Amino acid sequence: MSYLKESQLKGKSRASKAYMSLNESLRNFRNESSSYKTKIFLSHKHDETELLEGSISFLKSLGVDVYVDWLDDGMPKSTSGQTAVRIKEKIKENQKFILLASEGAINSKWCNWELGLGDAAKYIDHIAIFPIEKDFSSFSGSEYLEIYPYIYNMDSLEYFRGEYRSPGTYVVFPSLNGNSKVVPIAQWLKHR
């Protein structure tokens, strides 16, 4: 098992750029009929464009609608209290909350604030951490992230948390209080 590596997401980013820009892709995706799609608020560090593009590409491949704040026409042009109000509304509005947990995002005041709001609005069934490992090091995270479900990838058949699991991506719930829930990500995304 492994967390996704930065290079894997950057590869997805480069592949998506072959077709169109991130803005074009997200705007087209947003304009598709999304009444049946799960809507995700994706918390991220703004200057990590390639990781963001790769993550969006990955999530879109699962048939979801991804909300990214800087593509929101209703967002104020410059950061202000109104920005915070709008973000709070959008976290409540979207069915799921995912933190793209890069080292930069974990250290971001905005991402931590958004995670706190996501915790209050979505805990525990509708929130997940999407840990991103640097290519040649392990994900270090912060202790407080251990209370959240996280997205994990299995490259081959593995015995994990009491049973054999097929290759794929899963949402793994924290093992606090004896919880051993592991759900394929497609199933987690369908649960509203």
N, C-alpha and C. Protein backbone atom coordinates (compact mmCIF):
# COMPACT_ATOMS: atom_id res chain seq x y z
N MET A 1 0.84 -1.18 0.00
CA MET A 1 0.00 0.00 0.00
C MET A 1 0.88 1.23 0.00
N SER A 2 0.28 2.31 -0.52
CA SER A 2 1.07 3.54 -0.54
C SER A 2 0.16 4.75 -0.69
N TYR A 3 0.72 5.86 -0.27
CA TYR A 3 0.08 7.12 -0.59
C TYR A 3 0.49 7.45 -2.01
N LEU A 4 -0.26 8.29 -2.67
CA LEU A 4 0.15 8.72 -4.00
C LEU A 4 1.37 9.63 -3.87
N LYS A 5 2.26 9.51 -4.82
CA LYS A 5 3.49 10.31 -4.84
C LYS A 5 3.25 11.57 -5.66
N GLU A 6 4.02 12.61 -5.36
CA GLU A 6 3.93 13.86 -6.12
C GLU A 6 4.09 13.60 -7.61
N SER A 7 5.05 12.74 -7.99
CA SER A 7 5.30 12.49 -9.41
C SER A 7 4.10 11.83 -10.09
N GLN A 8 3.35 11.00 -9.36
CA GLN A 8 2.16 10.38 -9.94
C GLN A 8 1.11 11.44 -10.26
N LEU A 9 0.89 12.37 -9.32
CA LEU A 9 -0.09 13.42 -9.56
C LEU A 9 0.37 14.38 -10.64
N LYS A 10 1.67 14.69 -10.65
CA LYS A 10 2.19 15.57 -11.70
C LYS A 10 2.06 14.92 -13.06
N GLY A 11 2.20 13.59 -13.12
CA GLY A 11 1.99 12.87 -14.37
C GLY A 11 0.56 12.97 -14.85
N LYS A 12 -0.38 12.87 -13.92
CA LYS A 12 -1.80 13.05 -14.27
C LYS A 12 -2.04 14.48 -14.74
N SER A 13 -1.35 15.43 -14.12
CA SER A 13 -1.46 16.83 -14.51
C SER A 13 -0.99 17.03 -15.94
N ARG A 14 0.18 16.49 -16.26
CA ARG A 14 0.73 16.64 -17.61
C ARG A 14 -0.19 15.99 -18.65
N ALA A 15 -0.76 14.84 -18.30
CA ALA A 15 -1.67 14.16 -19.21
C ALA A 15 -2.91 15.00 -19.47
N SER A 16 -3.43 15.65 -18.44
CA SER A 16 -4.63 16.46 -18.62
C SER A 16 -4.33 17.72 -19.44
N LYS A 17 -3.09 18.24 -19.34
CA LYS A 17 -2.72 19.43 -20.10
C LYS A 17 -2.65 19.15 -21.59
N ALA A 18 -2.45 17.91 -21.96
CA ALA A 18 -2.39 17.57 -23.37
C ALA A 18 -3.72 17.88 -24.06
N TYR A 19 -4.78 17.90 -23.29
CA TYR A 19 -6.10 18.15 -23.85
C TYR A 19 -6.54 19.61 -23.73
N MET A 20 -6.39 20.17 -22.56
CA MET A 20 -6.81 21.57 -22.36
C MET A 20 -6.25 22.07 -21.04
N SER A 21 -6.34 23.36 -20.83
CA SER A 21 -5.84 23.95 -19.58
C SER A 21 -6.71 23.54 -18.41
N LEU A 22 -6.19 23.68 -17.21
CA LEU A 22 -6.94 23.34 -16.01
C LEU A 22 -8.23 24.16 -15.93
N ASN A 23 -8.13 25.45 -16.17
CA ASN A 23 -9.32 26.31 -16.10
C ASN A 23 -10.37 25.85 -17.10
N GLU A 24 -9.95 25.58 -18.36
CA GLU A 24 -10.91 25.12 -19.37
C GLU A 24 -11.54 23.80 -18.96
N SER A 25 -10.71 22.89 -18.49
CA SER A 25 -11.20 21.57 -18.10
C SER A 25 -12.21 21.67 -16.97
N LEU A 26 -11.88 22.44 -15.93
CA LEU A 26 -12.80 22.55 -14.80
C LEU A 26 -14.07 23.29 -15.17
N ARG A 27 -13.94 24.33 -15.98
CA ARG A 27 -15.16 25.05 -16.40
C ARG A 27 -16.05 24.14 -17.24
N ASN A 28 -15.48 23.36 -18.14
CA ASN A 28 -16.27 22.41 -18.93
C ASN A 28 -16.92 21.38 -18.04
N PHE A 29 -16.15 20.86 -17.10
CA PHE A 29 -16.68 19.86 -16.19
C PHE A 29 -17.81 20.43 -15.34
N ARG A 30 -17.65 21.66 -14.89
CA ARG A 30 -18.67 22.31 -14.07
C ARG A 30 -19.95 22.52 -14.88
N ASN A 31 -19.83 22.75 -16.19
CA ASN A 31 -20.99 23.00 -17.02
C ASN A 31 -21.73 21.72 -17.41
N GLU A 32 -21.09 20.55 -17.20
CA GLU A 32 -21.77 19.29 -17.47
C GLU A 32 -22.93 19.14 -16.50
N SER A 33 -23.86 18.28 -16.85
CA SER A 33 -24.94 17.98 -15.91
C SER A 33 -24.34 17.37 -14.66
N SER A 34 -24.51 18.03 -13.54
CA SER A 34 -23.90 17.53 -12.32
C SER A 34 -24.93 17.19 -11.26
N SER A 35 -26.17 17.06 -11.64
CA SER A 35 -27.20 16.79 -10.64
C SER A 35 -26.99 15.43 -9.98
N TYR A 36 -26.39 14.48 -10.67
CA TYR A 36 -26.19 13.15 -10.11
C TYR A 36 -24.80 12.96 -9.53
N LYS A 37 -23.94 13.93 -9.68
CA LYS A 37 -22.56 13.80 -9.24
C LYS A 37 -22.38 14.26 -7.80
N THR A 38 -21.52 13.55 -7.08
CA THR A 38 -21.14 14.00 -5.75
C THR A 38 -20.26 15.23 -5.92
N LYS A 39 -20.47 16.21 -5.08
CA LYS A 39 -19.72 17.46 -5.14
C LYS A 39 -18.70 17.49 -4.00
N ILE A 40 -17.46 17.79 -4.36
CA ILE A 40 -16.35 17.78 -3.41
C ILE A 40 -15.76 19.17 -3.27
N PHE A 41 -15.58 19.62 -2.03
CA PHE A 41 -14.79 20.81 -1.76
C PHE A 41 -13.36 20.32 -1.61
N LEU A 42 -12.46 20.78 -2.48
CA LEU A 42 -11.06 20.36 -2.45
C LEU A 42 -10.22 21.47 -1.85
N SER A 43 -9.78 21.25 -0.61
CA SER A 43 -8.90 22.21 0.07
C SER A 43 -7.48 21.92 -0.39
N HIS A 44 -6.75 22.98 -0.75
CA HIS A 44 -5.41 22.81 -1.33
C HIS A 44 -4.58 24.06 -1.14
N LYS A 45 -3.30 23.93 -1.33
CA LYS A 45 -2.37 25.07 -1.31
C LYS A 45 -2.35 25.64 -2.72
N HIS A 46 -2.64 26.93 -2.83
CA HIS A 46 -2.82 27.55 -4.14
C HIS A 46 -1.61 27.50 -5.06
N ASP A 47 -0.41 27.52 -4.52
CA ASP A 47 0.75 27.56 -5.41
C ASP A 47 1.24 26.17 -5.84
N GLU A 48 0.52 25.12 -5.52
CA GLU A 48 0.90 23.77 -5.91
C GLU A 48 0.05 23.30 -7.09
N THR A 49 0.19 24.02 -8.18
CA THR A 49 -0.67 23.85 -9.35
C THR A 49 -0.63 22.44 -9.93
N GLU A 50 0.56 21.88 -10.11
CA GLU A 50 0.63 20.54 -10.71
C GLU A 50 -0.02 19.48 -9.84
N LEU A 51 0.17 19.57 -8.53
CA LEU A 51 -0.47 18.62 -7.62
C LEU A 51 -1.99 18.77 -7.68
N LEU A 52 -2.44 20.02 -7.73
CA LEU A 52 -3.86 20.30 -7.81
C LEU A 52 -4.45 19.74 -9.11
N GLU A 53 -3.78 20.02 -10.22
CA GLU A 53 -4.27 19.53 -11.51
C GLU A 53 -4.35 18.01 -11.54
N GLY A 54 -3.30 17.34 -11.03
CA GLY A 54 -3.30 15.88 -10.99
C GLY A 54 -4.40 15.33 -10.10
N SER A 55 -4.62 15.96 -8.97
CA SER A 55 -5.67 15.53 -8.04
C SER A 55 -7.05 15.69 -8.65
N ILE A 56 -7.25 16.82 -9.30
CA ILE A 56 -8.54 17.06 -9.95
C ILE A 56 -8.77 16.05 -11.05
N SER A 57 -7.74 15.77 -11.83
CA SER A 57 -7.85 14.78 -12.89
C SER A 57 -8.22 13.41 -12.31
N PHE A 58 -7.55 13.04 -11.23
CA PHE A 58 -7.84 11.76 -10.57
C PHE A 58 -9.28 11.73 -10.07
N LEU A 59 -9.72 12.77 -9.37
CA LEU A 59 -11.07 12.80 -8.82
C LEU A 59 -12.13 12.84 -9.92
N LYS A 60 -11.88 13.62 -10.96
CA LYS A 60 -12.83 13.68 -12.07
C LYS A 60 -12.99 12.32 -12.74
N SER A 61 -11.90 11.54 -12.76
CA SER A 61 -11.99 10.20 -13.37
C SER A 61 -12.94 9.30 -12.58
N LEU A 62 -13.26 9.68 -11.36
CA LEU A 62 -14.19 8.93 -10.51
C LEU A 62 -15.63 9.46 -10.66
N GLY A 63 -15.82 10.43 -11.53
CA GLY A 63 -17.16 10.92 -11.83
C GLY A 63 -17.75 11.88 -10.82
N VAL A 64 -16.91 12.71 -10.23
CA VAL A 64 -17.40 13.68 -9.25
C VAL A 64 -17.22 15.10 -9.77
N ASP A 65 -17.85 16.03 -9.10
CA ASP A 65 -17.73 17.45 -9.40
C ASP A 65 -16.80 18.05 -8.34
N VAL A 66 -15.75 18.74 -8.75
CA VAL A 66 -14.76 19.28 -7.82
C VAL A 66 -14.89 20.79 -7.74
N TYR A 67 -15.07 21.28 -6.51
CA TYR A 67 -15.12 22.73 -6.28
C TYR A 67 -13.73 23.22 -5.93
N VAL A 68 -13.25 24.22 -6.67
CA VAL A 68 -11.97 24.87 -6.42
C VAL A 68 -12.27 26.35 -6.27
N ASP A 69 -11.91 26.93 -5.13
CA ASP A 69 -12.34 28.28 -4.79
C ASP A 69 -11.92 29.35 -5.80
N TRP A 70 -10.72 29.27 -6.36
CA TRP A 70 -10.28 30.34 -7.26
C TRP A 70 -10.93 30.29 -8.63
N LEU A 71 -11.75 29.26 -8.89
CA LEU A 71 -12.53 29.23 -10.13
C LEU A 71 -13.98 29.66 -9.89
N ASP A 72 -14.28 30.04 -8.68
CA ASP A 72 -15.63 30.44 -8.28
C ASP A 72 -15.84 31.90 -8.66
N ASP A 73 -16.75 32.16 -9.59
CA ASP A 73 -17.04 33.53 -10.02
C ASP A 73 -17.60 34.40 -8.89
N GLY A 74 -18.16 33.77 -7.85
CA GLY A 74 -18.71 34.51 -6.73
C GLY A 74 -17.69 34.87 -5.66
N MET A 75 -16.45 34.42 -5.85
CA MET A 75 -15.40 34.69 -4.86
C MET A 75 -14.91 36.13 -5.04
N PRO A 76 -14.70 36.86 -3.93
CA PRO A 76 -14.19 38.24 -4.05
C PRO A 76 -12.85 38.25 -4.79
N LYS A 77 -12.58 39.35 -5.48
CA LYS A 77 -11.35 39.48 -6.27
C LYS A 77 -10.10 39.51 -5.40
N SER A 78 -10.20 40.09 -4.21
CA SER A 78 -9.06 40.07 -3.29
C SER A 78 -9.51 39.44 -1.98
N THR A 79 -8.59 38.76 -1.31
CA THR A 79 -8.90 38.04 -0.08
C THR A 79 -9.40 38.99 1.00
N SER A 80 -10.52 38.61 1.60
CA SER A 80 -11.14 39.44 2.64
C SER A 80 -12.01 38.56 3.51
N GLY A 81 -12.72 39.18 4.42
CA GLY A 81 -13.68 38.45 5.24
C GLY A 81 -14.76 37.80 4.39
N GLN A 82 -15.12 38.45 3.27
CA GLN A 82 -16.11 37.86 2.37
C GLN A 82 -15.60 36.56 1.76
N THR A 83 -14.29 36.47 1.55
CA THR A 83 -13.69 35.22 1.06
C THR A 83 -13.98 34.10 2.06
N ALA A 84 -13.77 34.37 3.33
CA ALA A 84 -14.00 33.38 4.38
C ALA A 84 -15.47 32.97 4.43
N VAL A 85 -16.37 33.94 4.31
CA VAL A 85 -17.80 33.65 4.32
C VAL A 85 -18.17 32.73 3.15
N ARG A 86 -17.65 33.05 1.97
CA ARG A 86 -17.95 32.25 0.77
C ARG A 86 -17.41 30.83 0.92
N ILE A 87 -16.19 30.69 1.45
CA ILE A 87 -15.60 29.36 1.64
C ILE A 87 -16.45 28.55 2.62
N LYS A 88 -16.88 29.16 3.71
CA LYS A 88 -17.74 28.46 4.67
C LYS A 88 -19.00 27.94 4.00
N GLU A 89 -19.62 28.78 3.17
CA GLU A 89 -20.83 28.38 2.45
C GLU A 89 -20.56 27.18 1.55
N LYS A 90 -19.46 27.23 0.83
CA LYS A 90 -19.14 26.17 -0.12
C LYS A 90 -18.79 24.86 0.56
N ILE A 91 -18.13 24.92 1.71
CA ILE A 91 -17.83 23.69 2.45
C ILE A 91 -19.14 23.02 2.88
N LYS A 92 -20.10 23.81 3.35
CA LYS A 92 -21.39 23.26 3.76
C LYS A 92 -22.18 22.73 2.57
N GLU A 93 -22.11 23.44 1.45
CA GLU A 93 -22.87 23.10 0.24
C GLU A 93 -22.42 21.79 -0.41
N ASN A 94 -21.12 21.57 -0.48
CA ASN A 94 -20.59 20.36 -1.12
C ASN A 94 -20.77 19.16 -0.21
N GLN A 95 -21.03 17.99 -0.81
CA GLN A 95 -21.31 16.80 0.00
C GLN A 95 -20.06 16.24 0.69
N LYS A 96 -18.90 16.40 0.07
CA LYS A 96 -17.66 15.83 0.61
C LYS A 96 -16.61 16.93 0.75
N PHE A 97 -15.67 16.69 1.65
CA PHE A 97 -14.54 17.59 1.87
C PHE A 97 -13.28 16.76 1.80
N ILE A 98 -12.34 17.16 0.93
CA ILE A 98 -11.05 16.49 0.83
C ILE A 98 -9.96 17.54 0.97
N LEU A 99 -9.00 17.25 1.86
CA LEU A 99 -7.81 18.09 1.99
C LEU A 99 -6.70 17.43 1.20
N LEU A 100 -6.20 18.12 0.18
CA LEU A 100 -5.03 17.67 -0.57
C LEU A 100 -3.83 17.93 0.34
N ALA A 101 -3.43 16.91 1.09
CA ALA A 101 -2.50 17.07 2.21
C ALA A 101 -1.04 16.97 1.77
N SER A 102 -0.58 17.99 1.08
CA SER A 102 0.83 18.12 0.78
C SER A 102 1.48 18.76 2.01
N GLU A 103 2.80 18.75 2.05
CA GLU A 103 3.49 19.41 3.17
C GLU A 103 3.11 20.90 3.23
N GLY A 104 3.01 21.53 2.04
CA GLY A 104 2.64 22.94 2.00
C GLY A 104 1.25 23.20 2.53
N ALA A 105 0.30 22.34 2.18
CA ALA A 105 -1.08 22.51 2.65
C ALA A 105 -1.18 22.32 4.16
N ILE A 106 -0.44 21.35 4.68
CA ILE A 106 -0.48 21.10 6.12
C ILE A 106 0.04 22.31 6.90
N ASN A 107 0.94 23.06 6.30
CA ASN A 107 1.49 24.25 6.95
C ASN A 107 0.73 25.53 6.63
N SER A 108 -0.30 25.44 5.81
CA SER A 108 -1.07 26.61 5.39
C SER A 108 -2.14 26.97 6.43
N LYS A 109 -2.20 28.24 6.80
CA LYS A 109 -3.25 28.68 7.73
C LYS A 109 -4.63 28.49 7.12
N TRP A 110 -4.79 28.82 5.84
CA TRP A 110 -6.09 28.69 5.19
C TRP A 110 -6.54 27.23 5.14
N CYS A 111 -5.64 26.32 4.75
CA CYS A 111 -6.02 24.91 4.66
C CYS A 111 -6.41 24.35 6.02
N ASN A 112 -5.68 24.72 7.06
CA ASN A 112 -6.03 24.26 8.40
C ASN A 112 -7.37 24.84 8.86
N TRP A 113 -7.63 26.08 8.53
CA TRP A 113 -8.92 26.69 8.85
C TRP A 113 -10.04 25.95 8.11
N GLU A 114 -9.82 25.68 6.81
CA GLU A 114 -10.83 24.95 6.03
C GLU A 114 -11.05 23.55 6.59
N LEU A 115 -9.97 22.88 7.01
CA LEU A 115 -10.11 21.54 7.60
C LEU A 115 -10.97 21.61 8.86
N GLY A 116 -10.78 22.62 9.67
CA GLY A 116 -11.61 22.78 10.86
C GLY A 116 -13.08 22.94 10.51
N LEU A 117 -13.36 23.71 9.47
CA LEU A 117 -14.74 23.87 9.02
C LEU A 117 -15.28 22.56 8.45
N GLY A 118 -14.45 21.87 7.66
CA GLY A 118 -14.84 20.58 7.12
C GLY A 118 -15.13 19.58 8.22
N ASP A 119 -14.32 19.61 9.27
CA ASP A 119 -14.53 18.73 10.42
C ASP A 119 -15.92 18.97 11.02
N ALA A 120 -16.25 20.21 11.24
CA ALA A 120 -17.54 20.55 11.85
C ALA A 120 -18.72 20.18 10.95
N ALA A 121 -18.54 20.31 9.64
CA ALA A 121 -19.64 20.08 8.71
C ALA A 121 -19.73 18.65 8.18
N LYS A 122 -18.62 17.91 8.15
CA LYS A 122 -18.60 16.63 7.43
C LYS A 122 -18.11 15.43 8.23
N TYR A 123 -17.58 15.62 9.42
CA TYR A 123 -16.94 14.53 10.15
C TYR A 123 -17.94 13.42 10.44
N ILE A 124 -17.68 12.22 10.30
CA ILE A 124 -16.52 11.48 9.90
C ILE A 124 -16.75 10.81 8.53
N ASP A 125 -17.99 10.71 8.12
CA ASP A 125 -18.29 9.96 6.90
C ASP A 125 -18.06 10.73 5.60
N HIS A 126 -17.93 12.03 5.66
CA HIS A 126 -17.86 12.82 4.42
C HIS A 126 -16.62 13.69 4.33
N ILE A 127 -15.58 13.31 5.05
CA ILE A 127 -14.33 14.07 5.03
C ILE A 127 -13.18 13.08 4.84
N ALA A 128 -12.16 13.50 4.10
CA ALA A 128 -10.98 12.63 3.92
C ALA A 128 -9.75 13.49 3.68
N ILE A 129 -8.64 12.95 4.11
CA ILE A 129 -7.34 13.53 3.85
C ILE A 129 -6.77 12.80 2.64
N PHE A 130 -6.21 13.54 1.70
CA PHE A 130 -5.58 12.95 0.52
C PHE A 130 -4.08 13.20 0.67
N PRO A 131 -3.37 12.31 1.41
CA PRO A 131 -1.95 12.53 1.66
C PRO A 131 -1.13 12.41 0.38
N ILE A 132 -0.22 13.33 0.19
CA ILE A 132 0.67 13.31 -0.97
C ILE A 132 2.10 13.22 -0.45
N GLU A 133 2.79 12.15 -0.85
CA GLU A 133 4.17 11.96 -0.42
C GLU A 133 5.13 12.59 -1.43
N LYS A 134 6.19 13.16 -0.92
CA LYS A 134 7.28 13.56 -1.79
C LYS A 134 7.85 12.28 -2.38
N ASP A 135 8.47 12.36 -3.54
CA ASP A 135 8.91 11.16 -4.24
C ASP A 135 9.91 10.30 -3.48
N PHE A 136 10.77 10.89 -2.69
CA PHE A 136 11.79 10.10 -2.03
C PHE A 136 11.74 10.21 -0.51
N SER A 137 10.54 10.40 0.02
CA SER A 137 10.38 10.43 1.46
C SER A 137 8.97 9.97 1.83
N SER A 138 8.77 9.71 3.08
CA SER A 138 7.46 9.26 3.56
C SER A 138 6.61 10.45 3.95
N PHE A 139 5.30 10.24 3.91
CA PHE A 139 4.37 11.28 4.35
C PHE A 139 4.52 11.44 5.85
N SER A 140 4.75 12.66 6.29
CA SER A 140 4.95 12.87 7.72
C SER A 140 3.70 13.42 8.40
N GLY A 141 2.93 14.23 7.73
CA GLY A 141 1.69 14.74 8.29
C GLY A 141 1.82 15.33 9.67
N SER A 142 0.72 15.58 10.31
CA SER A 142 0.66 16.06 11.68
C SER A 142 -0.24 15.12 12.47
N GLU A 143 -0.02 15.04 13.75
CA GLU A 143 -0.76 14.10 14.59
C GLU A 143 -2.27 14.29 14.48
N TYR A 144 -2.72 15.52 14.40
CA TYR A 144 -4.17 15.76 14.37
C TYR A 144 -4.83 15.18 13.12
N LEU A 145 -4.05 14.93 12.08
CA LEU A 145 -4.62 14.33 10.86
C LEU A 145 -5.01 12.87 11.06
N GLU A 146 -4.48 12.24 12.11
CA GLU A 146 -4.77 10.82 12.38
C GLU A 146 -6.23 10.55 12.70
N ILE A 147 -7.00 11.57 13.03
CA ILE A 147 -8.42 11.35 13.39
C ILE A 147 -9.32 11.32 12.15
N TYR A 148 -8.76 11.57 10.98
CA TYR A 148 -9.57 11.65 9.76
C TYR A 148 -9.37 10.43 8.86
N PRO A 149 -10.43 10.05 8.14
CA PRO A 149 -10.24 9.05 7.10
C PRO A 149 -9.23 9.58 6.07
N TYR A 150 -8.53 8.68 5.41
CA TYR A 150 -7.54 9.11 4.42
C TYR A 150 -7.62 8.24 3.18
N ILE A 151 -7.19 8.80 2.08
CA ILE A 151 -7.21 8.12 0.78
C ILE A 151 -5.89 7.38 0.62
N TYR A 152 -6.00 6.11 0.25
CA TYR A 152 -4.83 5.24 0.18
C TYR A 152 -4.92 4.37 -1.06
N ASN A 153 -3.79 4.07 -1.65
CA ASN A 153 -3.75 3.30 -2.88
C ASN A 153 -3.09 1.95 -2.64
N MET A 154 -3.69 0.89 -3.14
CA MET A 154 -3.09 -0.45 -3.07
C MET A 154 -2.72 -0.86 -4.48
N ASP A 155 -1.45 -1.15 -4.69
CA ASP A 155 -0.96 -1.50 -6.01
C ASP A 155 -1.18 -2.96 -6.37
N SER A 156 -1.36 -3.80 -5.36
CA SER A 156 -1.56 -5.23 -5.60
C SER A 156 -2.47 -5.78 -4.50
N LEU A 157 -2.88 -7.03 -4.66
CA LEU A 157 -3.70 -7.69 -3.65
C LEU A 157 -2.94 -7.69 -2.33
N GLU A 158 -3.57 -7.18 -1.27
CA GLU A 158 -2.90 -7.10 0.01
C GLU A 158 -3.84 -7.46 1.14
N TYR A 159 -3.25 -8.01 2.20
CA TYR A 159 -4.00 -8.26 3.42
C TYR A 159 -3.88 -7.01 4.27
N PHE A 160 -5.01 -6.36 4.54
CA PHE A 160 -5.00 -5.09 5.26
C PHE A 160 -6.25 -5.01 6.13
N ARG A 161 -6.06 -4.73 7.38
CA ARG A 161 -7.15 -4.58 8.35
C ARG A 161 -8.13 -5.76 8.32
N GLY A 162 -7.57 -6.95 8.39
CA GLY A 162 -8.40 -8.14 8.58
C GLY A 162 -8.92 -8.83 7.34
N GLU A 163 -8.60 -8.34 6.16
CA GLU A 163 -9.04 -9.05 4.96
C GLU A 163 -8.17 -8.70 3.76
N TYR A 164 -8.27 -9.57 2.74
CA TYR A 164 -7.55 -9.31 1.50
C TYR A 164 -8.31 -8.25 0.70
N ARG A 165 -7.55 -7.33 0.15
CA ARG A 165 -8.17 -6.25 -0.62
C ARG A 165 -7.53 -6.18 -1.99
N SER A 166 -8.36 -5.95 -2.98
CA SER A 166 -7.92 -5.86 -4.37
C SER A 166 -7.15 -4.57 -4.61
N PRO A 167 -6.35 -4.54 -5.67
CA PRO A 167 -5.69 -3.28 -6.02
C PRO A 167 -6.72 -2.19 -6.26
N GLY A 168 -6.40 -0.98 -5.87
CA GLY A 168 -7.32 0.14 -6.07
C GLY A 168 -7.10 1.20 -5.02
N THR A 169 -7.97 2.19 -5.06
CA THR A 169 -7.88 3.31 -4.12
C THR A 169 -9.01 3.19 -3.12
N TYR A 170 -8.68 3.42 -1.86
CA TYR A 170 -9.62 3.23 -0.76
C TYR A 170 -9.65 4.45 0.14
N VAL A 171 -10.73 4.57 0.90
CA VAL A 171 -10.81 5.52 1.99
C VAL A 171 -10.71 4.67 3.25
N VAL A 172 -9.67 4.95 4.04
CA VAL A 172 -9.38 4.17 5.25
C VAL A 172 -9.75 5.03 6.45
N PHE A 173 -10.66 4.52 7.27
CA PHE A 173 -11.09 5.26 8.45
C PHE A 173 -10.09 5.05 9.57
N PRO A 174 -9.96 6.03 10.46
CA PRO A 174 -8.97 5.92 11.53
C PRO A 174 -9.24 4.71 12.41
N SER A 175 -8.19 4.07 12.85
CA SER A 175 -8.35 2.87 13.67
C SER A 175 -8.55 3.20 15.14
N LEU A 176 -8.85 4.44 15.42
CA LEU A 176 -9.18 4.84 16.79
C LEU A 176 -10.45 4.13 17.20
N ASN A 177 -10.54 3.73 18.44
CA ASN A 177 -11.73 3.04 18.97
C ASN A 177 -12.04 1.73 18.25
N GLY A 178 -11.03 1.08 17.69
CA GLY A 178 -11.21 -0.22 17.06
C GLY A 178 -11.87 -0.20 15.69
N ASN A 179 -12.03 0.94 15.10
CA ASN A 179 -12.65 1.04 13.77
C ASN A 179 -11.74 0.40 12.73
N SER A 180 -12.29 -0.47 11.88
CA SER A 180 -11.48 -1.08 10.84
C SER A 180 -12.11 -0.88 9.46
N LYS A 181 -12.88 0.15 9.32
CA LYS A 181 -13.62 0.41 8.08
C LYS A 181 -12.68 0.85 6.96
N VAL A 182 -12.73 0.13 5.85
CA VAL A 182 -11.97 0.44 4.65
C VAL A 182 -12.97 0.35 3.50
N VAL A 183 -13.13 1.45 2.76
CA VAL A 183 -14.16 1.53 1.73
C VAL A 183 -13.52 1.90 0.40
N PRO A 184 -13.86 1.19 -0.69
CA PRO A 184 -13.36 1.64 -1.99
C PRO A 184 -13.80 3.09 -2.22
N ILE A 185 -12.90 3.90 -2.80
CA ILE A 185 -13.20 5.33 -2.93
C ILE A 185 -14.46 5.58 -3.75
N ALA A 186 -14.72 4.76 -4.77
CA ALA A 186 -15.93 4.95 -5.58
C ALA A 186 -17.18 4.79 -4.72
N GLN A 187 -17.16 3.83 -3.80
CA GLN A 187 -18.29 3.62 -2.89
C GLN A 187 -18.43 4.80 -1.93
N TRP A 188 -17.30 5.27 -1.39
CA TRP A 188 -17.33 6.41 -0.47
C TRP A 188 -17.91 7.65 -1.16
N LEU A 189 -17.54 7.86 -2.40
CA LEU A 189 -18.02 9.03 -3.14
C LEU A 189 -19.52 8.96 -3.42
N LYS A 190 -20.07 7.77 -3.53
CA LYS A 190 -21.51 7.62 -3.79
C LYS A 190 -22.34 7.88 -2.54
N HIS A 191 -21.76 7.61 -1.37
CA HIS A 191 -22.47 7.80 -0.10
C HIS A 191 -22.60 9.28 0.19
N ARG A 192 -23.80 9.79 0.20
CA ARG A 192 -24.01 11.21 0.43
C ARG A 192 -24.55 11.39 1.81
